[in-house]
Amino acid sequence: MEEKTIDSLLSTEKYDPERGHSKLESPLPQRKKFITEVLAALAEDKITFAQIRGMDRKKMLKVAEQGHVKLKHGRYKEARKIFEILSFLDHKNYFHHLALGGVYQKLNKSLDAVFQYTQCLKYDPDNTNAFVNRGEIFLKYKNFKKAAEDFREAIRFDKNGRDLFANRARSLVIAIKRSLARLKGESLATKLPENSPLRRKKITPLSLLGGPSRRPKKK
């Protein structure tokens, strides 16, 4: 079913001189000028390949919905194929990049996921989902500064405090602060002398169970 849907999406009608379906395939002299204008528009990010080919928007939406279902059910390779095609054909659609970023993130392709989330934000600058997902990747690689920046942006766009992703960002900001405090504490401990009262006493497993803390006697 999936292959048939993709094939039908990519298929195009042959040029009909009487109806003028496609100037790209037109035998008329104006074809060269038209192609030049099209390439210029593509270079300036004014149009998409889907617009050039006059693709059916409803059909593309249907394919995107199928890809989203596959993503939700863990069929990441199939979802990847769908959204890679859609992101190429209709690159100005933020959702295609958001979904593809989600696929790459699930497949542990972090760099590709960050790129797709960035593309999503290019066409939908206040997308809290993209900010939080990208921030989580930065957090995974301990880039606390960039992670915090993305989480703050997600929170900033949530005026009413009801956005699911912005609320997750708030929780992650707290986690970042705790991680930084812990790292700072560990760094301070390594710099203190052995006899410093600020160093934490070592606790043996036995003392944690409620028994006396004993150290082996020196011979």
N, C-alpha and C. Protein backbone atom coordinates (compact mmCIF):
# COMPACT_ATOMS: atom_id res chain seq x y z
N MET A 1 0.84 -1.20 0.00
CA MET A 1 0.00 0.00 0.00
C MET A 1 0.87 1.25 0.00
N GLU A 2 1.94 1.19 0.86
CA GLU A 2 2.82 2.35 0.95
C GLU A 2 3.48 2.65 -0.38
N GLU A 3 4.02 1.62 -1.05
CA GLU A 3 4.72 1.82 -2.31
C GLU A 3 3.78 2.42 -3.35
N LYS A 4 2.54 1.94 -3.38
CA LYS A 4 1.58 2.44 -4.35
C LYS A 4 1.28 3.92 -4.10
N THR A 5 1.18 4.27 -2.82
CA THR A 5 0.87 5.66 -2.47
C THR A 5 2.00 6.58 -2.90
N ILE A 6 3.25 6.16 -2.62
CA ILE A 6 4.40 6.98 -3.00
C ILE A 6 4.52 7.08 -4.51
N ASP A 7 4.30 5.99 -5.20
CA ASP A 7 4.37 6.00 -6.66
C ASP A 7 3.34 6.97 -7.24
N SER A 8 2.13 6.93 -6.69
CA SER A 8 1.08 7.81 -7.20
C SER A 8 1.40 9.26 -6.89
N LEU A 9 2.08 9.48 -5.78
CA LEU A 9 2.46 10.85 -5.42
C LEU A 9 3.49 11.39 -6.38
N LEU A 10 4.44 10.55 -6.77
CA LEU A 10 5.53 11.00 -7.62
C LEU A 10 5.17 11.00 -9.10
N SER A 11 4.11 10.31 -9.48
CA SER A 11 3.74 10.25 -10.88
C SER A 11 3.22 11.59 -11.36
N THR A 12 3.50 11.91 -12.63
CA THR A 12 3.04 13.18 -13.21
C THR A 12 2.38 12.91 -14.56
N GLU A 13 1.47 13.77 -14.92
CA GLU A 13 0.79 13.63 -16.21
C GLU A 13 1.67 14.15 -17.33
N LYS A 14 1.51 13.57 -18.50
CA LYS A 14 2.27 14.06 -19.66
C LYS A 14 1.69 15.39 -20.12
N TYR A 15 2.53 16.16 -20.76
CA TYR A 15 2.11 17.49 -21.20
C TYR A 15 1.02 17.40 -22.26
N ASP A 16 -0.02 18.19 -22.08
CA ASP A 16 -1.11 18.27 -23.03
C ASP A 16 -1.12 19.69 -23.60
N PRO A 17 -0.73 19.89 -24.88
CA PRO A 17 -0.65 21.23 -25.48
C PRO A 17 -1.94 22.01 -25.38
N GLU A 18 -3.08 21.31 -25.45
CA GLU A 18 -4.36 22.00 -25.43
C GLU A 18 -4.72 22.48 -24.02
N ARG A 19 -4.31 21.70 -23.01
CA ARG A 19 -4.67 22.06 -21.63
C ARG A 19 -3.52 22.77 -20.91
N GLY A 20 -2.30 22.65 -21.42
CA GLY A 20 -1.14 23.33 -20.84
C GLY A 20 -0.83 22.90 -19.43
N HIS A 21 -0.76 21.59 -19.19
CA HIS A 21 -0.52 21.08 -17.85
C HIS A 21 0.87 21.41 -17.33
N SER A 22 1.87 21.37 -18.20
CA SER A 22 3.23 21.56 -17.71
C SER A 22 4.08 22.30 -18.72
N LYS A 23 4.52 23.50 -18.35
CA LYS A 23 5.41 24.26 -19.21
C LYS A 23 6.80 23.65 -19.24
N LEU A 24 7.11 22.84 -18.22
CA LEU A 24 8.43 22.19 -18.19
C LEU A 24 8.60 21.23 -19.35
N GLU A 25 7.50 20.61 -19.78
CA GLU A 25 7.57 19.64 -20.87
C GLU A 25 7.03 20.22 -22.17
N SER A 26 6.80 21.50 -22.18
CA SER A 26 6.24 22.15 -23.36
C SER A 26 7.27 22.22 -24.49
N PRO A 27 6.86 21.96 -25.72
CA PRO A 27 7.78 22.09 -26.87
C PRO A 27 7.88 23.54 -27.38
N LEU A 28 7.16 24.46 -26.76
CA LEU A 28 7.14 25.85 -27.22
C LEU A 28 8.45 26.57 -26.89
N PRO A 29 8.80 27.61 -27.61
CA PRO A 29 10.05 28.36 -27.39
C PRO A 29 10.16 28.99 -26.00
N GLN A 30 9.04 29.27 -25.37
CA GLN A 30 9.06 29.91 -24.06
C GLN A 30 9.55 28.97 -22.96
N ARG A 31 9.76 27.72 -23.29
CA ARG A 31 10.16 26.72 -22.28
C ARG A 31 11.47 27.10 -21.61
N LYS A 32 12.45 27.55 -22.41
CA LYS A 32 13.76 27.89 -21.85
C LYS A 32 13.66 29.02 -20.84
N LYS A 33 12.89 30.04 -21.16
CA LYS A 33 12.71 31.16 -20.25
C LYS A 33 12.01 30.71 -18.97
N PHE A 34 11.02 29.87 -19.13
CA PHE A 34 10.28 29.38 -17.98
C PHE A 34 11.18 28.57 -17.04
N ILE A 35 12.00 27.69 -17.61
CA ILE A 35 12.90 26.88 -16.79
C ILE A 35 13.89 27.77 -16.03
N THR A 36 14.39 28.80 -16.69
CA THR A 36 15.31 29.74 -16.03
C THR A 36 14.64 30.42 -14.85
N GLU A 37 13.40 30.82 -15.04
CA GLU A 37 12.66 31.47 -13.96
C GLU A 37 12.40 30.50 -12.80
N VAL A 38 12.11 29.27 -13.15
CA VAL A 38 11.85 28.25 -12.12
C VAL A 38 13.10 27.99 -11.29
N LEU A 39 14.24 27.83 -11.95
CA LEU A 39 15.49 27.57 -11.23
C LEU A 39 15.87 28.74 -10.32
N ALA A 40 15.61 29.95 -10.81
CA ALA A 40 15.89 31.14 -9.99
C ALA A 40 15.00 31.16 -8.76
N ALA A 41 13.74 30.81 -8.93
CA ALA A 41 12.80 30.79 -7.80
C ALA A 41 13.18 29.72 -6.79
N LEU A 42 13.65 28.57 -7.29
CA LEU A 42 14.11 27.52 -6.38
C LEU A 42 15.33 27.97 -5.59
N ALA A 43 16.26 28.61 -6.28
CA ALA A 43 17.48 29.09 -5.62
C ALA A 43 17.17 30.11 -4.54
N GLU A 44 16.13 30.89 -4.74
CA GLU A 44 15.74 31.93 -3.78
C GLU A 44 14.73 31.41 -2.75
N ASP A 45 14.48 30.11 -2.77
CA ASP A 45 13.58 29.46 -1.81
C ASP A 45 12.17 30.03 -1.86
N LYS A 46 11.72 30.36 -3.06
CA LYS A 46 10.38 30.93 -3.22
C LYS A 46 9.34 29.87 -3.56
N ILE A 47 9.76 28.76 -4.14
CA ILE A 47 8.84 27.71 -4.54
C ILE A 47 9.42 26.35 -4.16
N THR A 48 8.61 25.32 -4.30
CA THR A 48 9.04 23.95 -4.02
C THR A 48 8.88 23.11 -5.28
N PHE A 49 9.47 21.92 -5.25
CA PHE A 49 9.32 21.01 -6.39
C PHE A 49 7.86 20.58 -6.54
N ALA A 50 7.18 20.46 -5.42
CA ALA A 50 5.76 20.08 -5.47
C ALA A 50 4.94 21.13 -6.20
N GLN A 51 5.27 22.40 -5.99
CA GLN A 51 4.56 23.47 -6.69
C GLN A 51 4.87 23.47 -8.18
N ILE A 52 6.11 23.19 -8.51
CA ILE A 52 6.51 23.15 -9.92
C ILE A 52 5.74 22.05 -10.66
N ARG A 53 5.62 20.90 -10.02
CA ARG A 53 4.95 19.78 -10.66
C ARG A 53 3.43 19.83 -10.50
N GLY A 54 2.95 20.79 -9.72
CA GLY A 54 1.51 20.89 -9.52
C GLY A 54 0.92 19.69 -8.82
N MET A 55 1.63 19.20 -7.80
CA MET A 55 1.18 17.99 -7.10
C MET A 55 -0.06 18.26 -6.26
N ASP A 56 -0.85 17.24 -6.11
CA ASP A 56 -2.09 17.31 -5.36
C ASP A 56 -1.78 17.46 -3.87
N ARG A 57 -2.19 18.58 -3.25
CA ARG A 57 -1.91 18.85 -1.85
C ARG A 57 -2.61 17.84 -0.94
N LYS A 58 -3.82 17.47 -1.28
CA LYS A 58 -4.54 16.51 -0.45
C LYS A 58 -3.86 15.15 -0.45
N LYS A 59 -3.33 14.79 -1.61
CA LYS A 59 -2.65 13.51 -1.71
C LYS A 59 -1.36 13.52 -0.87
N MET A 60 -0.66 14.63 -0.89
CA MET A 60 0.56 14.75 -0.09
C MET A 60 0.24 14.72 1.40
N LEU A 61 -0.85 15.35 1.78
CA LEU A 61 -1.27 15.33 3.18
C LEU A 61 -1.60 13.91 3.63
N LYS A 62 -2.24 13.16 2.75
CA LYS A 62 -2.58 11.78 3.06
C LYS A 62 -1.32 10.95 3.29
N VAL A 63 -0.31 11.15 2.44
CA VAL A 63 0.95 10.42 2.60
C VAL A 63 1.64 10.82 3.91
N ALA A 64 1.59 12.11 4.24
CA ALA A 64 2.20 12.59 5.49
C ALA A 64 1.51 11.96 6.70
N GLU A 65 0.21 11.82 6.64
CA GLU A 65 -0.54 11.19 7.73
C GLU A 65 -0.13 9.74 7.89
N GLN A 66 0.07 9.04 6.77
CA GLN A 66 0.53 7.66 6.83
C GLN A 66 1.91 7.57 7.47
N GLY A 67 2.77 8.50 7.09
CA GLY A 67 4.12 8.52 7.67
C GLY A 67 4.09 8.78 9.16
N HIS A 68 3.18 9.67 9.59
CA HIS A 68 3.07 9.98 11.01
C HIS A 68 2.59 8.77 11.81
N VAL A 69 1.68 8.03 11.25
CA VAL A 69 1.19 6.81 11.91
C VAL A 69 2.32 5.81 12.06
N LYS A 70 3.13 5.65 11.03
CA LYS A 70 4.26 4.73 11.09
C LYS A 70 5.28 5.17 12.14
N LEU A 71 5.49 6.48 12.23
CA LEU A 71 6.41 7.02 13.23
C LEU A 71 5.91 6.72 14.64
N LYS A 72 4.62 6.92 14.88
CA LYS A 72 4.04 6.70 16.20
C LYS A 72 4.10 5.23 16.60
N HIS A 73 4.06 4.34 15.62
CA HIS A 73 4.06 2.90 15.91
C HIS A 73 5.45 2.27 15.79
N GLY A 74 6.46 3.11 15.73
CA GLY A 74 7.83 2.59 15.76
C GLY A 74 8.35 2.03 14.45
N ARG A 75 7.66 2.29 13.37
CA ARG A 75 8.12 1.80 12.05
C ARG A 75 8.97 2.90 11.41
N TYR A 76 10.13 3.11 12.03
CA TYR A 76 10.94 4.29 11.71
C TYR A 76 11.53 4.28 10.31
N LYS A 77 11.94 3.11 9.82
CA LYS A 77 12.54 3.06 8.49
C LYS A 77 11.52 3.41 7.41
N GLU A 78 10.28 2.95 7.59
CA GLU A 78 9.24 3.26 6.62
C GLU A 78 8.87 4.74 6.70
N ALA A 79 8.78 5.25 7.93
CA ALA A 79 8.47 6.66 8.11
C ALA A 79 9.57 7.53 7.53
N ARG A 80 10.80 7.10 7.70
CA ARG A 80 11.94 7.85 7.16
C ARG A 80 11.84 8.00 5.65
N LYS A 81 11.50 6.92 4.98
CA LYS A 81 11.41 6.95 3.52
C LYS A 81 10.35 7.95 3.07
N ILE A 82 9.22 7.95 3.75
CA ILE A 82 8.12 8.85 3.38
C ILE A 82 8.51 10.30 3.58
N PHE A 83 9.05 10.62 4.76
CA PHE A 83 9.31 12.03 5.07
C PHE A 83 10.57 12.57 4.38
N GLU A 84 11.48 11.68 4.01
CA GLU A 84 12.61 12.16 3.20
C GLU A 84 12.12 12.61 1.83
N ILE A 85 11.18 11.87 1.25
CA ILE A 85 10.61 12.24 -0.05
C ILE A 85 9.80 13.53 0.08
N LEU A 86 8.96 13.60 1.12
CA LEU A 86 8.12 14.78 1.30
C LEU A 86 8.95 16.03 1.59
N SER A 87 10.02 15.87 2.37
CA SER A 87 10.88 17.02 2.69
C SER A 87 11.60 17.54 1.47
N PHE A 88 11.87 16.66 0.53
CA PHE A 88 12.51 17.09 -0.72
C PHE A 88 11.51 17.77 -1.64
N LEU A 89 10.33 17.17 -1.77
CA LEU A 89 9.33 17.70 -2.70
C LEU A 89 8.69 18.99 -2.19
N ASP A 90 8.45 19.04 -0.89
CA ASP A 90 7.75 20.19 -0.31
C ASP A 90 8.54 20.69 0.90
N HIS A 91 9.73 21.22 0.63
CA HIS A 91 10.67 21.54 1.69
C HIS A 91 10.24 22.71 2.57
N LYS A 92 9.25 23.48 2.15
CA LYS A 92 8.79 24.62 2.94
C LYS A 92 7.70 24.23 3.94
N ASN A 93 7.33 22.98 3.96
CA ASN A 93 6.35 22.48 4.91
C ASN A 93 7.07 22.08 6.19
N TYR A 94 6.85 22.84 7.26
CA TYR A 94 7.59 22.61 8.51
C TYR A 94 7.35 21.22 9.08
N PHE A 95 6.14 20.68 8.91
CA PHE A 95 5.80 19.40 9.52
C PHE A 95 6.65 18.26 8.96
N HIS A 96 6.96 18.32 7.67
CA HIS A 96 7.79 17.27 7.07
C HIS A 96 9.16 17.23 7.74
N HIS A 97 9.74 18.40 8.00
CA HIS A 97 11.04 18.45 8.66
C HIS A 97 10.95 18.03 10.12
N LEU A 98 9.87 18.42 10.79
CA LEU A 98 9.67 18.05 12.19
C LEU A 98 9.56 16.53 12.33
N ALA A 99 8.76 15.92 11.47
CA ALA A 99 8.57 14.47 11.52
C ALA A 99 9.86 13.74 11.17
N LEU A 100 10.57 14.23 10.15
CA LEU A 100 11.82 13.59 9.75
C LEU A 100 12.85 13.72 10.86
N GLY A 101 12.86 14.87 11.54
CA GLY A 101 13.75 15.04 12.68
C GLY A 101 13.44 14.02 13.77
N GLY A 102 12.15 13.78 14.00
CA GLY A 102 11.75 12.78 14.99
C GLY A 102 12.20 11.38 14.61
N VAL A 103 12.10 11.07 13.32
CA VAL A 103 12.57 9.76 12.83
C VAL A 103 14.07 9.61 13.06
N TYR A 104 14.84 10.62 12.66
CA TYR A 104 16.29 10.57 12.82
C TYR A 104 16.67 10.47 14.30
N GLN A 105 15.93 11.16 15.16
CA GLN A 105 16.24 11.12 16.59
C GLN A 105 16.02 9.71 17.13
N LYS A 106 14.95 9.06 16.69
CA LYS A 106 14.68 7.69 17.12
C LYS A 106 15.74 6.72 16.59
N LEU A 107 16.31 7.03 15.44
CA LEU A 107 17.33 6.17 14.83
C LEU A 107 18.74 6.54 15.30
N ASN A 108 18.82 7.45 16.29
CA ASN A 108 20.11 7.91 16.85
C ASN A 108 21.00 8.60 15.81
N LYS A 109 20.37 9.23 14.84
CA LYS A 109 21.10 10.04 13.86
C LYS A 109 20.98 11.51 14.31
N SER A 110 21.71 11.82 15.37
CA SER A 110 21.52 13.09 16.07
C SER A 110 21.80 14.31 15.20
N LEU A 111 22.88 14.27 14.44
CA LEU A 111 23.24 15.42 13.61
C LEU A 111 22.16 15.70 12.56
N ASP A 112 21.66 14.64 11.93
CA ASP A 112 20.60 14.81 10.93
C ASP A 112 19.32 15.32 11.59
N ALA A 113 19.05 14.85 12.80
CA ALA A 113 17.84 15.29 13.51
C ALA A 113 17.93 16.78 13.83
N VAL A 114 19.08 17.23 14.31
CA VAL A 114 19.26 18.65 14.63
C VAL A 114 19.06 19.50 13.38
N PHE A 115 19.59 19.04 12.26
CA PHE A 115 19.43 19.79 11.01
C PHE A 115 17.95 19.91 10.63
N GLN A 116 17.21 18.82 10.75
CA GLN A 116 15.80 18.84 10.37
C GLN A 116 14.98 19.71 11.31
N TYR A 117 15.28 19.69 12.60
CA TYR A 117 14.57 20.57 13.54
C TYR A 117 14.88 22.03 13.23
N THR A 118 16.11 22.30 12.84
CA THR A 118 16.49 23.66 12.48
C THR A 118 15.73 24.11 11.23
N GLN A 119 15.58 23.20 10.26
CA GLN A 119 14.80 23.51 9.06
C GLN A 119 13.34 23.76 9.42
N CYS A 120 12.82 22.97 10.32
CA CYS A 120 11.44 23.15 10.77
C CYS A 120 11.25 24.55 11.35
N LEU A 121 12.20 24.99 12.19
CA LEU A 121 12.11 26.30 12.82
C LEU A 121 12.30 27.43 11.82
N LYS A 122 12.94 27.13 10.72
CA LYS A 122 13.10 28.13 9.66
C LYS A 122 11.74 28.50 9.08
N TYR A 123 10.85 27.53 8.95
CA TYR A 123 9.54 27.76 8.35
C TYR A 123 8.42 27.90 9.39
N ASP A 124 8.74 27.56 10.64
CA ASP A 124 7.76 27.71 11.73
C ASP A 124 8.53 28.10 12.99
N PRO A 125 8.91 29.38 13.11
CA PRO A 125 9.85 29.84 14.14
C PRO A 125 9.40 29.66 15.59
N ASP A 126 8.12 29.47 15.84
CA ASP A 126 7.66 29.31 17.22
C ASP A 126 7.20 27.89 17.52
N ASN A 127 7.79 26.91 16.84
CA ASN A 127 7.41 25.51 17.03
C ASN A 127 8.09 24.96 18.29
N THR A 128 7.34 24.88 19.37
CA THR A 128 7.91 24.43 20.65
C THR A 128 8.39 22.98 20.60
N ASN A 129 7.71 22.16 19.80
CA ASN A 129 8.11 20.76 19.65
C ASN A 129 9.53 20.66 19.11
N ALA A 130 9.84 21.42 18.07
CA ALA A 130 11.17 21.38 17.47
C ALA A 130 12.23 21.90 18.44
N PHE A 131 11.90 22.99 19.16
CA PHE A 131 12.85 23.54 20.13
C PHE A 131 13.20 22.52 21.22
N VAL A 132 12.19 21.87 21.76
CA VAL A 132 12.41 20.94 22.86
C VAL A 132 13.16 19.69 22.38
N ASN A 133 12.76 19.16 21.23
CA ASN A 133 13.44 17.97 20.71
C ASN A 133 14.90 18.26 20.39
N ARG A 134 15.16 19.40 19.78
CA ARG A 134 16.55 19.76 19.48
C ARG A 134 17.33 19.99 20.77
N GLY A 135 16.67 20.64 21.74
CA GLY A 135 17.32 20.87 23.03
C GLY A 135 17.67 19.58 23.74
N GLU A 136 16.83 18.57 23.61
CA GLU A 136 17.10 17.28 24.24
C GLU A 136 18.34 16.62 23.64
N ILE A 137 18.53 16.81 22.35
CA ILE A 137 19.73 16.26 21.71
C ILE A 137 20.97 16.97 22.23
N PHE A 138 20.91 18.31 22.34
CA PHE A 138 22.03 19.05 22.91
C PHE A 138 22.31 18.61 24.34
N LEU A 139 21.24 18.38 25.09
CA LEU A 139 21.39 17.94 26.48
C LEU A 139 22.04 16.55 26.55
N LYS A 140 21.67 15.69 25.62
CA LYS A 140 22.24 14.34 25.58
C LYS A 140 23.75 14.38 25.44
N TYR A 141 24.24 15.35 24.67
CA TYR A 141 25.69 15.48 24.45
C TYR A 141 26.32 16.54 25.37
N LYS A 142 25.58 16.86 26.45
CA LYS A 142 26.08 17.76 27.51
C LYS A 142 26.42 19.17 27.01
N ASN A 143 25.74 19.59 25.95
CA ASN A 143 25.88 20.98 25.51
C ASN A 143 24.78 21.77 26.22
N PHE A 144 25.03 22.05 27.51
CA PHE A 144 24.00 22.64 28.35
C PHE A 144 23.59 24.03 27.88
N LYS A 145 24.52 24.78 27.34
CA LYS A 145 24.22 26.14 26.91
C LYS A 145 23.18 26.15 25.79
N LYS A 146 23.43 25.37 24.74
CA LYS A 146 22.50 25.34 23.61
C LYS A 146 21.17 24.70 24.00
N ALA A 147 21.25 23.69 24.86
CA ALA A 147 20.02 23.04 25.32
C ALA A 147 19.16 24.05 26.08
N ALA A 148 19.78 24.80 26.98
CA ALA A 148 19.04 25.79 27.77
C ALA A 148 18.44 26.87 26.87
N GLU A 149 19.16 27.27 25.84
CA GLU A 149 18.65 28.28 24.91
C GLU A 149 17.39 27.80 24.21
N ASP A 150 17.40 26.54 23.76
CA ASP A 150 16.22 26.00 23.08
C ASP A 150 15.05 25.86 24.04
N PHE A 151 15.32 25.41 25.26
CA PHE A 151 14.23 25.25 26.23
C PHE A 151 13.63 26.60 26.61
N ARG A 152 14.48 27.61 26.74
CA ARG A 152 13.98 28.95 27.06
C ARG A 152 13.09 29.50 25.94
N GLU A 153 13.47 29.21 24.69
CA GLU A 153 12.65 29.66 23.55
C GLU A 153 11.28 28.99 23.58
N ALA A 154 11.27 27.69 23.87
CA ALA A 154 9.99 26.97 23.94
C ALA A 154 9.11 27.55 25.03
N ILE A 155 9.70 27.85 26.18
CA ILE A 155 8.94 28.42 27.29
C ILE A 155 8.43 29.82 26.94
N ARG A 156 9.25 30.59 26.24
CA ARG A 156 8.89 31.96 25.88
C ARG A 156 7.64 32.01 25.00
N PHE A 157 7.48 31.02 24.13
CA PHE A 157 6.34 31.01 23.22
C PHE A 157 5.07 30.48 23.88
N ASP A 158 5.21 29.95 25.09
CA ASP A 158 4.04 29.40 25.78
C ASP A 158 3.52 30.44 26.78
N LYS A 159 2.64 31.29 26.34
CA LYS A 159 2.14 32.39 27.17
C LYS A 159 1.21 31.90 28.28
N ASN A 160 0.44 30.85 28.01
CA ASN A 160 -0.56 30.38 28.96
C ASN A 160 -0.10 29.22 29.84
N GLY A 161 1.09 28.71 29.57
CA GLY A 161 1.60 27.59 30.37
C GLY A 161 0.85 26.30 30.15
N ARG A 162 0.28 26.14 28.97
CA ARG A 162 -0.50 24.94 28.66
C ARG A 162 0.14 24.04 27.61
N ASP A 163 1.21 24.54 27.00
CA ASP A 163 1.84 23.78 25.92
C ASP A 163 2.60 22.59 26.51
N LEU A 164 2.32 21.40 25.99
CA LEU A 164 2.92 20.17 26.49
C LEU A 164 4.44 20.19 26.39
N PHE A 165 4.94 20.66 25.24
CA PHE A 165 6.38 20.66 25.03
C PHE A 165 7.07 21.74 25.86
N ALA A 166 6.42 22.89 26.02
CA ALA A 166 6.99 23.96 26.84
C ALA A 166 7.08 23.52 28.30
N ASN A 167 6.07 22.79 28.76
CA ASN A 167 6.11 22.29 30.14
C ASN A 167 7.23 21.27 30.33
N ARG A 168 7.46 20.49 29.30
CA ARG A 168 8.60 19.56 29.36
C ARG A 168 9.91 20.35 29.40
N ALA A 169 9.96 21.45 28.65
CA ALA A 169 11.16 22.29 28.65
C ALA A 169 11.42 22.84 30.05
N ARG A 170 10.36 23.22 30.75
CA ARG A 170 10.53 23.74 32.12
C ARG A 170 11.15 22.68 33.03
N SER A 171 10.70 21.45 32.88
CA SER A 171 11.27 20.36 33.69
C SER A 171 12.73 20.12 33.34
N LEU A 172 13.05 20.21 32.06
CA LEU A 172 14.43 19.96 31.62
C LEU A 172 15.37 21.08 32.05
N VAL A 173 14.86 22.31 32.12
CA VAL A 173 15.69 23.42 32.61
C VAL A 173 16.09 23.16 34.06
N ILE A 174 15.17 22.67 34.85
CA ILE A 174 15.47 22.33 36.25
C ILE A 174 16.52 21.22 36.30
N ALA A 175 16.39 20.24 35.41
CA ALA A 175 17.35 19.14 35.36
C ALA A 175 18.75 19.64 34.99
N ILE A 176 18.80 20.61 34.07
CA ILE A 176 20.09 21.19 33.68
C ILE A 176 20.74 21.89 34.86
N LYS A 177 19.95 22.67 35.61
CA LYS A 177 20.49 23.39 36.76
C LYS A 177 21.05 22.41 37.80
N ARG A 178 20.34 21.32 38.00
CA ARG A 178 20.81 20.32 38.97
C ARG A 178 22.09 19.66 38.48
N SER A 179 22.15 19.36 37.18
CA SER A 179 23.35 18.73 36.61
C SER A 179 24.56 19.65 36.74
N LEU A 180 24.35 20.94 36.45
CA LEU A 180 25.44 21.90 36.54
C LEU A 180 25.90 22.07 37.99
N ALA A 181 24.95 22.07 38.92
CA ALA A 181 25.31 22.18 40.34
C ALA A 181 26.09 20.97 40.79
N ARG A 182 25.68 19.78 40.32
CA ARG A 182 26.40 18.56 40.69
C ARG A 182 27.81 18.55 40.12
N LEU A 183 27.93 18.95 38.85
CA LEU A 183 29.25 19.00 38.23
C LEU A 183 30.15 20.02 38.92
N LYS A 184 29.55 21.13 39.32
CA LYS A 184 30.32 22.16 40.02
C LYS A 184 30.80 21.64 41.37
N GLY A 185 29.93 20.89 42.06
CA GLY A 185 30.30 20.31 43.34
C GLY A 185 31.40 19.29 43.21
N GLU A 186 31.32 18.46 42.15
CA GLU A 186 32.37 17.46 41.92
C GLU A 186 33.69 18.11 41.58
N SER A 187 33.62 19.20 40.83
CA SER A 187 34.85 19.92 40.47
C SER A 187 35.49 20.54 41.70
N LEU A 188 34.66 21.07 42.61
CA LEU A 188 35.17 21.68 43.83
C LEU A 188 35.80 20.62 44.72
N ALA A 189 35.18 19.46 44.81
CA ALA A 189 35.68 18.39 45.67
C ALA A 189 37.06 17.92 45.23
N THR A 190 37.32 17.87 43.95
CA THR A 190 38.62 17.41 43.45
C THR A 190 39.73 18.40 43.76
N LYS A 191 39.35 19.67 43.99
CA LYS A 191 40.36 20.70 44.26
C LYS A 191 40.65 20.85 45.75
N LEU A 192 39.78 20.30 46.63
CA LEU A 192 39.98 20.44 48.07
C LEU A 192 41.03 19.45 48.57
N PRO A 193 41.81 19.82 49.60
CA PRO A 193 42.79 18.90 50.17
C PRO A 193 42.09 17.75 50.88
N GLU A 194 42.79 16.65 51.07
CA GLU A 194 42.21 15.45 51.66
C GLU A 194 41.64 15.71 53.04
N ASN A 195 42.31 16.57 53.86
CA ASN A 195 41.85 16.80 55.23
C ASN A 195 40.85 17.94 55.36
N SER A 196 40.30 18.42 54.21
CA SER A 196 39.35 19.53 54.26
C SER A 196 38.03 19.07 54.84
N PRO A 197 37.46 19.84 55.79
CA PRO A 197 36.16 19.47 56.38
C PRO A 197 35.01 19.58 55.38
N LEU A 198 35.27 20.25 54.23
CA LEU A 198 34.23 20.40 53.22
C LEU A 198 34.06 19.15 52.37
N ARG A 199 35.05 18.27 52.42
CA ARG A 199 34.92 17.02 51.66
C ARG A 199 33.87 16.13 52.30
N ARG A 200 33.08 15.47 51.52
CA ARG A 200 32.08 14.58 52.06
C ARG A 200 32.73 13.30 52.57
N LYS A 201 32.21 12.81 53.68
CA LYS A 201 32.73 11.56 54.21
C LYS A 201 32.27 10.41 53.33
N LYS A 202 33.16 9.48 53.13
CA LYS A 202 32.79 8.32 52.33
C LYS A 202 31.87 7.42 53.14
N ILE A 203 30.83 6.94 52.51
CA ILE A 203 29.85 6.09 53.19
C ILE A 203 29.96 4.69 52.61
N THR A 204 30.17 3.73 53.47
CA THR A 204 30.28 2.35 53.01
C THR A 204 28.89 1.76 52.84
N PRO A 205 28.73 0.75 52.02
CA PRO A 205 27.42 0.11 51.83
C PRO A 205 26.81 -0.36 53.14
N LEU A 206 27.66 -0.80 54.09
CA LEU A 206 27.15 -1.31 55.35
C LEU A 206 26.44 -0.22 56.15
N SER A 207 27.02 0.98 56.14
CA SER A 207 26.41 2.09 56.88
C SER A 207 25.08 2.49 56.27
N LEU A 208 24.94 2.31 54.97
CA LEU A 208 23.68 2.64 54.32
C LEU A 208 22.57 1.70 54.76
N LEU A 209 22.94 0.48 55.16
CA LEU A 209 21.95 -0.49 55.60
C LEU A 209 21.64 -0.34 57.08
N GLY A 210 22.28 0.60 57.75
CA GLY A 210 21.97 0.84 59.15
C GLY A 210 22.99 0.26 60.11
N GLY A 211 23.98 -0.45 59.59
CA GLY A 211 25.00 -1.04 60.46
C GLY A 211 26.13 -0.09 60.69
N PRO A 212 27.07 -0.42 61.55
CA PRO A 212 28.21 0.45 61.83
C PRO A 212 29.14 0.54 60.64
N SER A 213 29.68 1.71 60.43
CA SER A 213 30.62 1.91 59.34
C SER A 213 32.00 1.52 59.82
N ARG A 214 32.56 0.50 59.23
CA ARG A 214 33.87 0.03 59.64
C ARG A 214 34.83 0.06 58.47
N ARG A 215 36.04 0.41 58.76
CA ARG A 215 37.09 0.38 57.75
C ARG A 215 38.07 -0.71 58.10
N PRO A 216 38.65 -1.37 57.14
CA PRO A 216 39.61 -2.43 57.44
C PRO A 216 40.81 -1.88 58.20
N LYS A 217 41.21 -2.61 59.23
CA LYS A 217 42.37 -2.18 60.03
C LYS A 217 43.65 -2.33 59.24
N LYS A 218 44.51 -1.34 59.44
CA LYS A 218 45.82 -1.41 58.80
C LYS A 218 46.72 -2.39 59.52
N LYS A 219 47.37 -3.25 58.78
CA LYS A 219 48.29 -4.21 59.39
C LYS A 219 49.64 -3.57 59.61
